[in-house]
Structure formats: C-alpha cells, structure tokens
Amino acid sequence: MLKQQWVLEENADKEAERQKFILNRERNLELINHNAAEKELRHIQENNDRTRDKELLAANLAREEALKQLEEDEKL
C-alpha cells in the first residue's frame, strides 16, 4: 500500500514538474515574441525619426539656398 502511495506521489510530482516546464516554456516564448515586437517597433520609430530629420534638414538647406539666391539677385 505504501509503495502504491509512493508511486502515486512520484507520478503526481512528475506531472507537476512537466506542467511547470510547459508553463515556463510558453511564458518564455511569449517574452521572446514580445521582445521581438518591441524591437521592431523601436526600429520603425528610429527610421521615422531619421526620415523626419532628413526632411527637416533638406527643408532648411533649401530655405538657405533660396535666401542666398535672393541676396545674389538683389545684388544684381
């Protein structure tokens, strides 16, 4: 009787460990996917920031060039 109880408890412990392993694996996969999504969002945001900066720089350079051209036209 004690041997049967011992076997039942061992099986219950093994099942509990198996369930714990499965939960941890699923949790880790969710974290990996979450981190990958956050990395992609950061990458998109950085690209958007770079594009905005390039556009602002191009606009300022065009404005300076236009002012320079106006000054040269006034001199003539």
PDB file of N, CA and C in Angstrom:
ATOM      1  N   MET A   1       0.822  -1.196   0.000  1.00  0.00           N
ATOM      2  CA  MET A   1       0.000   0.000   0.000  1.00  0.00           C
ATOM      3  C   MET A   1       0.865   1.258   0.000  1.00  0.00           C
ATOM      4  N   LEU A   2       1.920   1.228   0.815  1.00  0.00           N
ATOM      5  CA  LEU A   2       2.807   2.391   0.845  1.00  0.00           C
ATOM      6  C   LEU A   2       3.541   2.553  -0.481  1.00  0.00           C
ATOM      7  N   LYS A   3       3.895   1.421  -1.102  1.00  0.00           N
ATOM      8  CA  LYS A   3       4.563   1.503  -2.398  1.00  0.00           C
ATOM      9  C   LYS A   3       3.648   2.122  -3.441  1.00  0.00           C
ATOM     10  N   GLN A   4       2.381   1.781  -3.412  1.00  0.00           N
ATOM     11  CA  GLN A   4       1.426   2.376  -4.344  1.00  0.00           C
ATOM     12  C   GLN A   4       1.298   3.877  -4.095  1.00  0.00           C
ATOM     13  N   GLN A   5       1.225   4.245  -2.827  1.00  0.00           N
ATOM     14  CA  GLN A   5       1.129   5.672  -2.477  1.00  0.00           C
ATOM     15  C   GLN A   5       2.384   6.410  -2.943  1.00  0.00           C
ATOM     16  N   TRP A   6       3.537   5.767  -2.749  1.00  0.00           N
ATOM     17  CA  TRP A   6       4.799   6.356  -3.167  1.00  0.00           C
ATOM     18  C   TRP A   6       4.818   6.574  -4.687  1.00  0.00           C
ATOM     19  N   VAL A   7       4.364   5.587  -5.437  1.00  0.00           N
ATOM     20  CA  VAL A   7       4.316   5.684  -6.896  1.00  0.00           C
ATOM     21  C   VAL A   7       3.350   6.789  -7.316  1.00  0.00           C
ATOM     22  N   LEU A   8       2.202   6.850  -6.664  1.00  0.00           N
ATOM     23  CA  LEU A   8       1.231   7.896  -6.993  1.00  0.00           C
ATOM     24  C   LEU A   8       1.802   9.287  -6.720  1.00  0.00           C
ATOM     25  N   GLU A   9       2.493   9.435  -5.606  1.00  0.00           N
ATOM     26  CA  GLU A   9       3.088  10.739  -5.283  1.00  0.00           C
ATOM     27  C   GLU A   9       4.203  11.089  -6.261  1.00  0.00           C
ATOM     28  N   GLU A  10       5.016  10.095  -6.639  1.00  0.00           N
ATOM     29  CA  GLU A  10       6.071  10.348  -7.624  1.00  0.00           C
ATOM     30  C   GLU A  10       5.475  10.773  -8.962  1.00  0.00           C
ATOM     31  N   ASN A  11       4.420  10.091  -9.376  1.00  0.00           N
ATOM     32  CA  ASN A  11       3.763  10.441 -10.632  1.00  0.00           C
ATOM     33  C   ASN A  11       3.151  11.837 -10.563  1.00  0.00           C
ATOM     34  N   ALA A  12       2.566  12.160  -9.427  1.00  0.00           N
ATOM     35  CA  ALA A  12       1.989  13.495  -9.257  1.00  0.00           C
ATOM     36  C   ALA A  12       3.084  14.554  -9.317  1.00  0.00           C
ATOM     37  N   ASP A  13       4.231  14.279  -8.675  1.00  0.00           N
ATOM     38  CA  ASP A  13       5.359  15.223  -8.712  1.00  0.00           C
ATOM     39  C   ASP A  13       5.891  15.388 -10.135  1.00  0.00           C
ATOM     40  N   LYS A  14       6.006  14.270 -10.858  1.00  0.00           N
ATOM     41  CA  LYS A  14       6.476  14.343 -12.242  1.00  0.00           C
ATOM     42  C   LYS A  14       5.520  15.148 -13.110  1.00  0.00           C
ATOM     43  N   GLU A  15       4.232  14.949 -12.901  1.00  0.00           N
ATOM     44  CA  GLU A  15       3.233  15.694 -13.681  1.00  0.00           C
ATOM     45  C   GLU A  15       3.294  17.178 -13.351  1.00  0.00           C
ATOM     46  N   ALA A  16       3.470  17.484 -12.075  1.00  0.00           N
ATOM     47  CA  ALA A  16       3.577  18.892 -11.663  1.00  0.00           C
ATOM     48  C   ALA A  16       4.805  19.536 -12.296  1.00  0.00           C
ATOM     49  N   GLU A  17       5.933  18.818 -12.315  1.00  0.00           N
ATOM     50  CA  GLU A  17       7.150  19.335 -12.949  1.00  0.00           C
ATOM     51  C   GLU A  17       6.945  19.524 -14.450  1.00  0.00           C
ATOM     52  N   ARG A  18       6.266  18.587 -15.071  1.00  0.00           N
ATOM     53  CA  ARG A  18       6.005  18.685 -16.507  1.00  0.00           C
ATOM     54  C   ARG A  18       5.137  19.903 -16.814  1.00  0.00           C
ATOM     55  N   GLN A  19       4.091  20.102 -16.012  1.00  0.00           N
ATOM     56  CA  GLN A  19       3.216  21.256 -16.205  1.00  0.00           C
ATOM     57  C   GLN A  19       3.977  22.564 -15.980  1.00  0.00           C
ATOM     58  N   LYS A  20       4.837  22.571 -14.966  1.00  0.00           N
ATOM     59  CA  LYS A  20       5.647  23.762 -14.683  1.00  0.00           C
ATOM     60  C   LYS A  20       6.582  24.062 -15.857  1.00  0.00           C
ATOM     61  N   PHE A  21       7.191  23.010 -16.418  1.00  0.00           N
ATOM     62  CA  PHE A  21       8.071  23.176 -17.563  1.00  0.00           C
ATOM     63  C   PHE A  21       7.314  23.748 -18.757  1.00  0.00           C
ATOM     64  N   ILE A  22       6.133  23.211 -19.006  1.00  0.00           N
ATOM     65  CA  ILE A  22       5.322  23.683 -20.140  1.00  0.00           C
ATOM     66  C   ILE A  22       4.940  25.146 -19.949  1.00  0.00           C
ATOM     67  N   LEU A  23       4.516  25.506 -18.737  1.00  0.00           N
ATOM     68  CA  LEU A  23       4.153  26.904 -18.473  1.00  0.00           C
ATOM     69  C   LEU A  23       5.344  27.835 -18.649  1.00  0.00           C
ATOM     70  N   ASN A  24       6.499  27.425 -18.140  1.00  0.00           N
ATOM     71  CA  ASN A  24       7.692  28.263 -18.285  1.00  0.00           C
ATOM     72  C   ASN A  24       8.095  28.409 -19.744  1.00  0.00           C
ATOM     73  N   ARG A  25       7.987  27.327 -20.509  1.00  0.00           N
ATOM     74  CA  ARG A  25       8.332  27.393 -21.927  1.00  0.00           C
ATOM     75  C   ARG A  25       7.387  28.338 -22.665  1.00  0.00           C
ATOM     76  N   GLU A  26       6.088  28.237 -22.378  1.00  0.00           N
ATOM     77  CA  GLU A  26       5.121  29.139 -23.021  1.00  0.00           C
ATOM     78  C   GLU A  26       5.375  30.585 -22.620  1.00  0.00           C
ATOM     79  N   ARG A  27       5.680  30.804 -21.359  1.00  0.00           N
ATOM     80  CA  ARG A  27       5.966  32.162 -20.881  1.00  0.00           C
ATOM     81  C   ARG A  27       7.206  32.715 -21.573  1.00  0.00           C
ATOM     82  N   ASN A  28       8.230  31.876 -21.710  1.00  0.00           N
ATOM     83  CA  ASN A  28       9.454  32.318 -22.378  1.00  0.00           C
ATOM     84  C   ASN A  28       9.203  32.633 -23.849  1.00  0.00           C
ATOM     85  N   LEU A  29       8.408  31.808 -24.513  1.00  0.00           N
ATOM     86  CA  LEU A  29       8.085  32.082 -25.918  1.00  0.00           C
ATOM     87  C   LEU A  29       7.320  33.393 -26.060  1.00  0.00           C
ATOM     88  N   GLU A  30       6.398  33.643 -25.129  1.00  0.00           N
ATOM     89  CA  GLU A  30       5.658  34.909 -25.171  1.00  0.00           C
ATOM     90  C   GLU A  30       6.592  36.086 -24.966  1.00  0.00           C
ATOM     91  N   LEU A  31       7.547  35.954 -24.040  1.00  0.00           N
ATOM     92  CA  LEU A  31       8.513  37.034 -23.812  1.00  0.00           C
ATOM     93  C   LEU A  31       9.387  37.261 -25.037  1.00  0.00           C
ATOM     94  N   ILE A  32       9.808  36.181 -25.680  1.00  0.00           N
ATOM     95  CA  ILE A  32      10.628  36.302 -26.889  1.00  0.00           C
ATOM     96  C   ILE A  32       9.844  37.035 -27.977  1.00  0.00           C
ATOM     97  N   ASN A  33       8.605  36.643 -28.173  1.00  0.00           N
ATOM     98  CA  ASN A  33       7.775  37.303 -29.192  1.00  0.00           C
ATOM     99  C   ASN A  33       7.524  38.763 -28.841  1.00  0.00           C
ATOM    100  N   HIS A  34       7.275  39.030 -27.575  1.00  0.00           N
ATOM    101  CA  HIS A  34       7.031  40.403 -27.123  1.00  0.00           C
ATOM    102  C   HIS A  34       8.275  41.265 -27.356  1.00  0.00           C
ATOM    103  N   ASN A  35       9.432  40.736 -26.989  1.00  0.00           N
ATOM    104  CA  ASN A  35      10.680  41.482 -27.179  1.00  0.00           C
ATOM    105  C   ASN A  35      10.967  41.724 -28.658  1.00  0.00           C
ATOM    106  N   ALA A  36      10.671  40.743 -29.490  1.00  0.00           N
ATOM    107  CA  ALA A  36      10.877  40.924 -30.931  1.00  0.00           C
ATOM    108  C   ALA A  36       9.954  42.013 -31.473  1.00  0.00           C
ATOM    109  N   ALA A  37       8.713  42.026 -30.994  1.00  0.00           N
ATOM    110  CA  ALA A  37       7.768  43.054 -31.446  1.00  0.00           C
ATOM    111  C   ALA A  37       8.227  44.437 -30.984  1.00  0.00           C
ATOM    112  N   GLU A  38       8.690  44.544 -29.737  1.00  0.00           N
ATOM    113  CA  GLU A  38       9.187  45.829 -29.245  1.00  0.00           C
ATOM    114  C   GLU A  38      10.405  46.290 -30.045  1.00  0.00           C
ATOM    115  N   LYS A  39      11.297  45.353 -30.376  1.00  0.00           N
ATOM    116  CA  LYS A  39      12.482  45.703 -31.165  1.00  0.00           C
ATOM    117  C   LYS A  39      12.075  46.231 -32.533  1.00  0.00           C
ATOM    118  N   GLU A  40      11.105  45.575 -33.155  1.00  0.00           N
ATOM    119  CA  GLU A  40      10.621  46.019 -34.467  1.00  0.00           C
ATOM    120  C   GLU A  40       9.991  47.413 -34.375  1.00  0.00           C
ATOM    121  N   LEU A  41       9.202  47.643 -33.318  1.00  0.00           N
ATOM    122  CA  LEU A  41       8.592  48.971 -33.147  1.00  0.00           C
ATOM    123  C   LEU A  41       9.653  50.048 -32.939  1.00  0.00           C
ATOM    124  N   ARG A  42      10.702  49.735 -32.156  1.00  0.00           N
ATOM    125  CA  ARG A  42      11.787  50.699 -31.966  1.00  0.00           C
ATOM    126  C   ARG A  42      12.477  50.988 -33.285  1.00  0.00           C
ATOM    127  N   HIS A  43      12.687  49.948 -34.075  1.00  0.00           N
ATOM    128  CA  HIS A  43      13.338  50.115 -35.375  1.00  0.00           C
ATOM    129  C   HIS A  43      12.492  51.020 -36.283  1.00  0.00           C
ATOM    130  N   ILE A  44      11.195  50.791 -36.313  1.00  0.00           N
ATOM    131  CA  ILE A  44      10.294  51.611 -37.130  1.00  0.00           C
ATOM    132  C   ILE A  44      10.325  53.064 -36.649  1.00  0.00           C
ATOM    133  N   GLN A  45      10.288  53.255 -35.326  1.00  0.00           N
ATOM    134  CA  GLN A  45      10.301  54.614 -34.779  1.00  0.00           C
ATOM    135  C   GLN A  45      11.611  55.325 -35.114  1.00  0.00           C
ATOM    136  N   GLU A  46      12.736  54.603 -35.011  1.00  0.00           N
ATOM    137  CA  GLU A  46      14.027  55.207 -35.348  1.00  0.00           C
ATOM    138  C   GLU A  46      14.082  55.602 -36.818  1.00  0.00           C
ATOM    139  N   ASN A  47      13.556  54.744 -37.675  1.00  0.00           N
ATOM    140  CA  ASN A  47      13.522  55.082 -39.104  1.00  0.00           C
ATOM    141  C   ASN A  47      12.643  56.298 -39.363  1.00  0.00           C
ATOM    142  N   ASN A  48      11.506  56.368 -38.670  1.00  0.00           N
ATOM    143  CA  ASN A  48      10.626  57.533 -38.821  1.00  0.00           C
ATOM    144  C   ASN A  48      11.336  58.800 -38.356  1.00  0.00           C
ATOM    145  N   ASP A  49      12.058  58.705 -37.238  1.00  0.00           N
ATOM    146  CA  ASP A  49      12.797  59.870 -36.732  1.00  0.00           C
ATOM    147  C   ASP A  49      13.878  60.304 -37.718  1.00  0.00           C
ATOM    148  N   ARG A  50      14.609  59.332 -38.283  1.00  0.00           N
ATOM    149  CA  ARG A  50      15.653  59.671 -39.253  1.00  0.00           C
ATOM    150  C   ARG A  50      15.059  60.341 -40.488  1.00  0.00           C
ATOM    151  N   THR A  51      13.943  59.801 -40.959  1.00  0.00           N
ATOM    152  CA  THR A  51      13.291  60.369 -42.139  1.00  0.00           C
ATOM    153  C   THR A  51      12.840  61.799 -41.854  1.00  0.00           C
ATOM    154  N   ARG A  52      12.235  62.009 -40.686  1.00  0.00           N
ATOM    155  CA  ARG A  52      11.794  63.358 -40.313  1.00  0.00           C
ATOM    156  C   ARG A  52      12.977  64.306 -40.249  1.00  0.00           C
ATOM    157  N   ASP A  53      14.084  63.853 -39.633  1.00  0.00           N
ATOM    158  CA  ASP A  53      15.273  64.700 -39.532  1.00  0.00           C
ATOM    159  C   ASP A  53      15.830  65.041 -40.915  1.00  0.00           C
ATOM    160  N   LYS A  54      15.856  64.060 -41.820  1.00  0.00           N
ATOM    161  CA  LYS A  54      16.347  64.322 -43.175  1.00  0.00           C
ATOM    162  C   LYS A  54      15.459  65.331 -43.885  1.00  0.00           C
ATOM    163  N   GLU A  55      14.156  65.201 -43.714  1.00  0.00           N
ATOM    164  CA  GLU A  55      13.236  66.142 -44.356  1.00  0.00           C
ATOM    165  C   GLU A  55      13.404  67.551 -43.794  1.00  0.00           C
ATOM    166  N   LEU A  56      13.551  67.665 -42.482  1.00  0.00           N
ATOM    167  CA  LEU A  56      13.759  68.989 -41.883  1.00  0.00           C
ATOM    168  C   LEU A  56      15.076  69.599 -42.347  1.00  0.00           C
ATOM    169  N   LEU A  57      16.118  68.798 -42.415  1.00  0.00           N
ATOM    170  CA  LEU A  57      17.407  69.289 -42.872  1.00  0.00           C
ATOM    171  C   LEU A  57      17.324  69.743 -44.333  1.00  0.00           C
ATOM    172  N   ALA A  58      16.678  68.945 -45.160  1.00  0.00           N
ATOM    173  CA  ALA A  58      16.540  69.299 -46.571  1.00  0.00           C
ATOM    174  C   ALA A  58      15.743  70.599 -46.717  1.00  0.00           C
ATOM    175  N   ALA A  59      14.689  70.768 -45.920  1.00  0.00           N
ATOM    176  CA  ALA A  59      13.883  71.988 -45.987  1.00  0.00           C
ATOM    177  C   ALA A  59      14.718  73.200 -45.564  1.00  0.00           C
ATOM    178  N   ASN A  60      15.507  73.061 -44.512  1.00  0.00           N
ATOM    179  CA  ASN A  60      16.344  74.174 -44.061  1.00  0.00           C
ATOM    180  C   ASN A  60      17.423  74.510 -45.081  1.00  0.00           C
ATOM    181  N   LEU A  61      18.018  73.483 -45.665  1.00  0.00           N
ATOM    182  CA  LEU A  61      19.027  73.743 -46.695  1.00  0.00           C
ATOM    183  C   LEU A  61      18.416  74.427 -47.914  1.00  0.00           C
ATOM    184  N   ALA A  62      17.228  74.010 -48.309  1.00  0.00           N
ATOM    185  CA  ALA A  62      16.552  74.650 -49.440  1.00  0.00           C
ATOM    186  C   ALA A  62      16.212  76.099 -49.106  1.00  0.00           C
ATOM    187  N   ARG A  63      15.773  76.355 -47.873  1.00  0.00           N
ATOM    188  CA  ARG A  63      15.457  77.719 -47.455  1.00  0.00           C
ATOM    189  C   ARG A  63      16.706  78.591 -47.480  1.00  0.00           C
ATOM    190  N   GLU A  64      17.824  78.064 -46.991  1.00  0.00           N
ATOM    191  CA  GLU A  64      19.074  78.825 -47.002  1.00  0.00           C
ATOM    192  C   GLU A  64      19.525  79.100 -48.440  1.00  0.00           C
ATOM    193  N   GLU A  65      19.390  78.109 -49.276  1.00  0.00           N
ATOM    194  CA  GLU A  65      19.773  78.290 -50.677  1.00  0.00           C
ATOM    195  C   GLU A  65      18.886  79.345 -51.348  1.00  0.00           C
ATOM    196  N   ALA A  66      17.599  79.326 -51.047  1.00  0.00           N
ATOM    197  CA  ALA A  66      16.674  80.314 -51.619  1.00  0.00           C
ATOM    198  C   ALA A  66      17.042  81.715 -51.126  1.00  0.00           C
ATOM    199  N   LEU A  67      17.365  81.838 -49.829  1.00  0.00           N
ATOM    200  CA  LEU A  67      17.765  83.150 -49.296  1.00  0.00           C
ATOM    201  C   LEU A  67      19.060  83.631 -49.948  1.00  0.00           C
ATOM    202  N   LYS A  68      19.985  82.717 -50.125  1.00  0.00           N
ATOM    203  CA  LYS A  68      21.246  83.070 -50.766  1.00  0.00           C
ATOM    204  C   LYS A  68      20.997  83.527 -52.204  1.00  0.00           C
ATOM    205  N   GLN A  69      20.112  82.833 -52.889  1.00  0.00           N
ATOM    206  CA  GLN A  69      19.785  83.198 -54.273  1.00  0.00           C
ATOM    207  C   GLN A  69      19.106  84.569 -54.316  1.00  0.00           C
ATOM    208  N   LEU A  70      18.192  84.840 -53.353  1.00  0.00           N
ATOM    209  CA  LEU A  70      17.541  86.160 -53.279  1.00  0.00           C
ATOM    210  C   LEU A  70      18.571  87.267 -53.062  1.00  0.00           C
ATOM    211  N   GLU A  71      19.525  87.028 -52.166  1.00  0.00           N
ATOM    212  CA  GLU A  71      20.540  88.032 -51.896  1.00  0.00           C
ATOM    213  C   GLU A  71      21.392  88.294 -53.144  1.00  0.00           C
ATOM    214  N   GLU A  72      21.714  87.227 -53.868  1.00  0.00           N
ATOM    215  CA  GLU A  72      22.501  87.408 -55.103  1.00  0.00           C
ATOM    216  C   GLU A  72      21.681  88.157 -56.158  1.00  0.00           C
ATOM    217  N   ASP A  73      20.378  87.860 -56.242  1.00  0.00           N
ATOM    218  CA  ASP A  73      19.535  88.562 -57.208  1.00  0.00           C
ATOM    219  C   ASP A  73      19.431  90.038 -56.849  1.00  0.00           C
ATOM    220  N   GLU A  74      19.360  90.370 -55.557  1.00  0.00           N
ATOM    221  CA  GLU A  74      19.268  91.768 -55.141  1.00  0.00           C
ATOM    222  C   GLU A  74      20.550  92.524 -55.478  1.00  0.00           C
ATOM    223  N   LYS A  75      21.681  91.831 -55.353  1.00  0.00           N
ATOM    224  CA  LYS A  75      22.966  92.467 -55.665  1.00  0.00           C
ATOM    225  C   LYS A  75      23.042  92.841 -57.142  1.00  0.00           C
ATOM    226  N   LEU A  76      22.455  92.009 -57.968  1.00  0.00           N
ATOM    227  CA  LEU A  76      22.494  92.291 -59.410  1.00  0.00           C
ATOM    228  C   LEU A  76      21.547  93.414 -59.701  1.00  0.00           C
TER     229      LEU A  76
END
